[in-house]
Amino acid sequence: MSDPHGTVAVMTTPVTTSPRRPSGGRALPFVLAVAALSALAWTCAILYVLADWTTG
């Protein structure tokens, strides 16, 4: 942009650092929760099959 005196003003944007953690920090708890739910489901399924097999 130029002003009436002929000088040019440079428009700059301030650089700000984000205080957020990287996305990997949020993904790990989610992956662990999914793994825990999967393990729980497998455990229930195996116990169901064993109970069904032992009771005839």
PDB file of N, CA and C in Angstrom:
ATOM      1  N   MET A   1       0.858  -1.170   0.000  1.00  0.00           N
ATOM      2  CA  MET A   1       0.000   0.000   0.000  1.00  0.00           C
ATOM      3  C   MET A   1       0.900   1.228   0.000  1.00  0.00           C
ATOM      4  N   SER A   2       0.476   2.256  -0.657  1.00  0.00           N
ATOM      5  CA  SER A   2       1.281   3.479  -0.669  1.00  0.00           C
ATOM      6  C   SER A   2       0.467   4.620  -0.087  1.00  0.00           C
ATOM      7  N   ASP A   3       1.168   5.516   0.573  1.00  0.00           N
ATOM      8  CA  ASP A   3       0.502   6.676   1.150  1.00  0.00           C
ATOM      9  C   ASP A   3       0.703   7.884   0.234  1.00  0.00           C
ATOM     10  N   PRO A   4       0.080   9.021   0.502  1.00  0.00           N
ATOM     11  CA  PRO A   4       0.197  10.186  -0.386  1.00  0.00           C
ATOM     12  C   PRO A   4       1.623  10.720  -0.514  1.00  0.00           C
ATOM     13  N   HIS A   5       2.521  10.357   0.384  1.00  0.00           N
ATOM     14  CA  HIS A   5       3.883  10.878   0.322  1.00  0.00           C
ATOM     15  C   HIS A   5       4.791  10.012  -0.534  1.00  0.00           C
ATOM     16  N   GLY A   6       4.296   8.912  -1.044  1.00  0.00           N
ATOM     17  CA  GLY A   6       5.081   8.083  -1.935  1.00  0.00           C
ATOM     18  C   GLY A   6       5.854   6.968  -1.249  1.00  0.00           C
ATOM     19  N   THR A   7       5.753   6.848   0.056  1.00  0.00           N
ATOM     20  CA  THR A   7       6.440   5.741   0.725  1.00  0.00           C
ATOM     21  C   THR A   7       5.538   4.512   0.713  1.00  0.00           C
ATOM     22  N   VAL A   8       6.135   3.380   0.778  1.00  0.00           N
ATOM     23  CA  VAL A   8       5.382   2.127   0.721  1.00  0.00           C
ATOM     24  C   VAL A   8       5.375   1.497   2.113  1.00  0.00           C
ATOM     25  N   ALA A   9       4.186   1.184   2.575  1.00  0.00           N
ATOM     26  CA  ALA A   9       4.051   0.511   3.862  1.00  0.00           C
ATOM     27  C   ALA A   9       3.853  -0.980   3.619  1.00  0.00           C
ATOM     28  N   VAL A  10       4.684  -1.776   4.222  1.00  0.00           N
ATOM     29  CA  VAL A  10       4.601  -3.227   4.044  1.00  0.00           C
ATOM     30  C   VAL A  10       3.663  -3.789   5.103  1.00  0.00           C
ATOM     31  N   MET A  11       2.697  -4.556   4.633  1.00  0.00           N
ATOM     32  CA  MET A  11       1.747  -5.179   5.551  1.00  0.00           C
ATOM     33  C   MET A  11       2.334  -6.518   5.999  1.00  0.00           C
ATOM     34  N   THR A  12       2.488  -6.680   7.283  1.00  0.00           N
ATOM     35  CA  THR A  12       2.999  -7.946   7.804  1.00  0.00           C
ATOM     36  C   THR A  12       2.003  -8.517   8.796  1.00  0.00           C
ATOM     37  N   THR A  13       2.006  -9.814   8.902  1.00  0.00           N
ATOM     38  CA  THR A  13       1.150 -10.466   9.889  1.00  0.00           C
ATOM     39  C   THR A  13       2.043 -10.984  11.005  1.00  0.00           C
ATOM     40  N   PRO A  14       1.650 -10.803  12.243  1.00  0.00           N
ATOM     41  CA  PRO A  14       2.487 -11.290  13.342  1.00  0.00           C
ATOM     42  C   PRO A  14       2.502 -12.813  13.386  1.00  0.00           C
ATOM     43  N   VAL A  15       3.648 -13.352  13.690  1.00  0.00           N
ATOM     44  CA  VAL A  15       3.795 -14.800  13.790  1.00  0.00           C
ATOM     45  C   VAL A  15       3.493 -15.205  15.224  1.00  0.00           C
ATOM     46  N   THR A  16       2.515 -16.069  15.367  1.00  0.00           N
ATOM     47  CA  THR A  16       2.160 -16.534  16.707  1.00  0.00           C
ATOM     48  C   THR A  16       2.397 -18.031  16.775  1.00  0.00           C
ATOM     49  N   THR A  17       2.893 -18.475  17.887  1.00  0.00           N
ATOM     50  CA  THR A  17       3.076 -19.913  18.079  1.00  0.00           C
ATOM     51  C   THR A  17       1.831 -20.466  18.751  1.00  0.00           C
ATOM     52  N   SER A  18       1.414 -21.593  18.293  1.00  0.00           N
ATOM     53  CA  SER A  18       0.203 -22.210  18.824  1.00  0.00           C
ATOM     54  C   SER A  18       0.537 -23.009  20.080  1.00  0.00           C
ATOM     55  N   PRO A  19      -0.238 -22.835  21.147  1.00  0.00           N
ATOM     56  CA  PRO A  19       0.036 -23.611  22.362  1.00  0.00           C
ATOM     57  C   PRO A  19      -0.503 -25.033  22.308  1.00  0.00           C
ATOM     58  N   ARG A  20      -1.134 -25.408  21.178  1.00  0.00           N
ATOM     59  CA  ARG A  20      -1.727 -26.743  21.084  1.00  0.00           C
ATOM     60  C   ARG A  20      -0.644 -27.811  20.992  1.00  0.00           C
ATOM     61  N   ARG A  21      -0.995 -28.989  21.490  1.00  0.00           N
ATOM     62  CA  ARG A  21      -0.104 -30.128  21.345  1.00  0.00           C
ATOM     63  C   ARG A  21      -0.253 -30.675  19.931  1.00  0.00           C
ATOM     64  N   PRO A  22       0.721 -31.414  19.452  1.00  0.00           N
ATOM     65  CA  PRO A  22       0.559 -32.050  18.141  1.00  0.00           C
ATOM     66  C   PRO A  22      -0.588 -33.055  18.164  1.00  0.00           C
ATOM     67  N   SER A  23      -1.112 -33.359  16.991  1.00  0.00           N
ATOM     68  CA  SER A  23      -2.284 -34.232  16.918  1.00  0.00           C
ATOM     69  C   SER A  23      -1.984 -35.631  17.449  1.00  0.00           C
ATOM     70  N   GLY A  24      -0.729 -36.035  17.426  1.00  0.00           N
ATOM     71  CA  GLY A  24      -0.373 -37.340  17.961  1.00  0.00           C
ATOM     72  C   GLY A  24      -0.653 -37.456  19.443  1.00  0.00           C
ATOM     73  N   GLY A  25      -0.635 -36.356  20.155  1.00  0.00           N
ATOM     74  CA  GLY A  25      -0.902 -36.375  21.584  1.00  0.00           C
ATOM     75  C   GLY A  25      -2.345 -36.708  21.896  1.00  0.00           C
ATOM     76  N   ARG A  26      -3.245 -36.393  20.980  1.00  0.00           N
ATOM     77  CA  ARG A  26      -4.660 -36.719  21.185  1.00  0.00           C
ATOM     78  C   ARG A  26      -5.003 -38.078  20.612  1.00  0.00           C
ATOM     79  N   ALA A  27      -4.243 -38.546  19.640  1.00  0.00           N
ATOM     80  CA  ALA A  27      -4.574 -39.801  18.971  1.00  0.00           C
ATOM     81  C   ALA A  27      -4.258 -41.009  19.846  1.00  0.00           C
ATOM     82  N   LEU A  28      -3.196 -40.929  20.634  1.00  0.00           N
ATOM     83  CA  LEU A  28      -2.791 -42.094  21.419  1.00  0.00           C
ATOM     84  C   LEU A  28      -3.849 -42.533  22.428  1.00  0.00           C
ATOM     85  N   PRO A  29      -4.438 -41.636  23.218  1.00  0.00           N
ATOM     86  CA  PRO A  29      -5.498 -42.099  24.134  1.00  0.00           C
ATOM     87  C   PRO A  29      -6.680 -42.717  23.398  1.00  0.00           C
ATOM     88  N   PHE A  30      -7.011 -42.189  22.229  1.00  0.00           N
ATOM     89  CA  PHE A  30      -8.115 -42.744  21.440  1.00  0.00           C
ATOM     90  C   PHE A  30      -7.778 -44.157  20.981  1.00  0.00           C
ATOM     91  N   VAL A  31      -6.563 -44.354  20.503  1.00  0.00           N
ATOM     92  CA  VAL A  31      -6.142 -45.683  20.045  1.00  0.00           C
ATOM     93  C   VAL A  31      -6.137 -46.667  21.211  1.00  0.00           C
ATOM     94  N   LEU A  32      -5.661 -46.218  22.364  1.00  0.00           N
ATOM     95  CA  LEU A  32      -5.655 -47.096  23.537  1.00  0.00           C
ATOM     96  C   LEU A  32      -7.072 -47.449  23.985  1.00  0.00           C
ATOM     97  N   ALA A  33      -7.991 -46.502  23.897  1.00  0.00           N
ATOM     98  CA  ALA A  33      -9.380 -46.772  24.270  1.00  0.00           C
ATOM     99  C   ALA A  33     -10.006 -47.788  23.316  1.00  0.00           C
ATOM    100  N   VAL A  34      -9.734 -47.648  22.034  1.00  0.00           N
ATOM    101  CA  VAL A  34     -10.267 -48.604  21.058  1.00  0.00           C
ATOM    102  C   VAL A  34      -9.675 -49.993  21.296  1.00  0.00           C
ATOM    103  N   ALA A  35      -8.382 -50.050  21.595  1.00  0.00           N
ATOM    104  CA  ALA A  35      -7.744 -51.342  21.865  1.00  0.00           C
ATOM    105  C   ALA A  35      -8.327 -51.984  23.125  1.00  0.00           C
ATOM    106  N   ALA A  36      -8.600 -51.178  24.144  1.00  0.00           N
ATOM    107  CA  ALA A  36      -9.182 -51.711  25.378  1.00  0.00           C
ATOM    108  C   ALA A  36     -10.585 -52.246  25.130  1.00  0.00           C
ATOM    109  N   LEU A  37     -11.375 -51.519  24.356  1.00  0.00           N
ATOM    110  CA  LEU A  37     -12.727 -51.994  24.047  1.00  0.00           C
ATOM    111  C   LEU A  37     -12.682 -53.271  23.216  1.00  0.00           C
ATOM    112  N   SER A  38     -11.736 -53.344  22.300  1.00  0.00           N
ATOM    113  CA  SER A  38     -11.596 -54.551  21.495  1.00  0.00           C
ATOM    114  C   SER A  38     -11.201 -55.740  22.364  1.00  0.00           C
ATOM    115  N   ALA A  39     -10.269 -55.524  23.288  1.00  0.00           N
ATOM    116  CA  ALA A  39      -9.856 -56.606  24.190  1.00  0.00           C
ATOM    117  C   ALA A  39     -11.015 -57.050  25.069  1.00  0.00           C
ATOM    118  N   LEU A  40     -11.808 -56.097  25.534  1.00  0.00           N
ATOM    119  CA  LEU A  40     -12.968 -56.440  26.356  1.00  0.00           C
ATOM    120  C   LEU A  40     -13.984 -57.255  25.559  1.00  0.00           C
ATOM    121  N   ALA A  41     -14.209 -56.871  24.316  1.00  0.00           N
ATOM    122  CA  ALA A  41     -15.154 -57.607  23.477  1.00  0.00           C
ATOM    123  C   ALA A  41     -14.661 -59.029  23.219  1.00  0.00           C
ATOM    124  N   TRP A  42     -13.361 -59.182  22.932  1.00  0.00           N
ATOM    125  CA  TRP A  42     -12.809 -60.515  22.713  1.00  0.00           C
ATOM    126  C   TRP A  42     -12.906 -61.364  23.975  1.00  0.00           C
ATOM    127  N   THR A  43     -12.634 -60.772  25.124  1.00  0.00           N
ATOM    128  CA  THR A  43     -12.724 -61.505  26.388  1.00  0.00           C
ATOM    129  C   THR A  43     -14.143 -61.994  26.632  1.00  0.00           C
ATOM    130  N   CYS A  44     -15.109 -61.120  26.403  1.00  0.00           N
ATOM    131  CA  CYS A  44     -16.515 -61.518  26.588  1.00  0.00           C
ATOM    132  C   CYS A  44     -16.903 -62.631  25.625  1.00  0.00           C
ATOM    133  N   ALA A  45     -16.448 -62.528  24.383  1.00  0.00           N
ATOM    134  CA  ALA A  45     -16.781 -63.553  23.396  1.00  0.00           C
ATOM    135  C   ALA A  45     -16.170 -64.898  23.772  1.00  0.00           C
ATOM    136  N   ILE A  46     -14.913 -64.884  24.205  1.00  0.00           N
ATOM    137  CA  ILE A  46     -14.256 -66.139  24.586  1.00  0.00           C
ATOM    138  C   ILE A  46     -14.921 -66.753  25.815  1.00  0.00           C
ATOM    139  N   LEU A  47     -15.244 -65.928  26.803  1.00  0.00           N
ATOM    140  CA  LEU A  47     -15.922 -66.444  27.992  1.00  0.00           C
ATOM    141  C   LEU A  47     -17.298 -67.005  27.648  1.00  0.00           C
ATOM    142  N   TYR A  48     -17.994 -66.366  26.720  1.00  0.00           N
ATOM    143  CA  TYR A  48     -19.306 -66.860  26.303  1.00  0.00           C
ATOM    144  C   TYR A  48     -19.178 -68.226  25.638  1.00  0.00           C
ATOM    145  N   VAL A  49     -18.190 -68.359  24.760  1.00  0.00           N
ATOM    146  CA  VAL A  49     -17.996 -69.634  24.068  1.00  0.00           C
ATOM    147  C   VAL A  49     -17.594 -70.724  25.062  1.00  0.00           C
ATOM    148  N   LEU A  50     -16.703 -70.399  25.994  1.00  0.00           N
ATOM    149  CA  LEU A  50     -16.302 -71.390  27.002  1.00  0.00           C
ATOM    150  C   LEU A  50     -17.471 -71.792  27.893  1.00  0.00           C
ATOM    151  N   ALA A  51     -18.281 -70.835  28.297  1.00  0.00           N
ATOM    152  CA  ALA A  51     -19.436 -71.147  29.141  1.00  0.00           C
ATOM    153  C   ALA A  51     -20.440 -72.001  28.380  1.00  0.00           C
ATOM    154  N   ASP A  52     -20.640 -71.699  27.115  1.00  0.00           N
ATOM    155  CA  ASP A  52     -21.570 -72.473  26.301  1.00  0.00           C
ATOM    156  C   ASP A  52     -21.042 -73.886  26.089  1.00  0.00           C
ATOM    157  N   TRP A  53     -19.736 -74.010  25.901  1.00  0.00           N
ATOM    158  CA  TRP A  53     -19.124 -75.318  25.659  1.00  0.00           C
ATOM    159  C   TRP A  53     -19.152 -76.181  26.917  1.00  0.00           C
ATOM    160  N   THR A  54     -18.899 -75.572  28.085  1.00  0.00           N
ATOM    161  CA  THR A  54     -18.856 -76.369  29.317  1.00  0.00           C
ATOM    162  C   THR A  54     -20.246 -76.768  29.798  1.00  0.00           C
ATOM    163  N   THR A  55     -21.246 -75.952  29.523  1.00  0.00           N
ATOM    164  CA  THR A  55     -22.596 -76.282  29.989  1.00  0.00           C
ATOM    165  C   THR A  55     -23.347 -77.148  28.992  1.00  0.00           C
ATOM    166  N   GLY A  56     -22.771 -77.332  27.828  1.00  0.00           N
ATOM    167  CA  GLY A  56     -23.372 -78.212  26.847  1.00  0.00           C
ATOM    168  C   GLY A  56     -24.474 -77.555  26.125  1.00  0.00           C
TER     169      GLY A  56
END
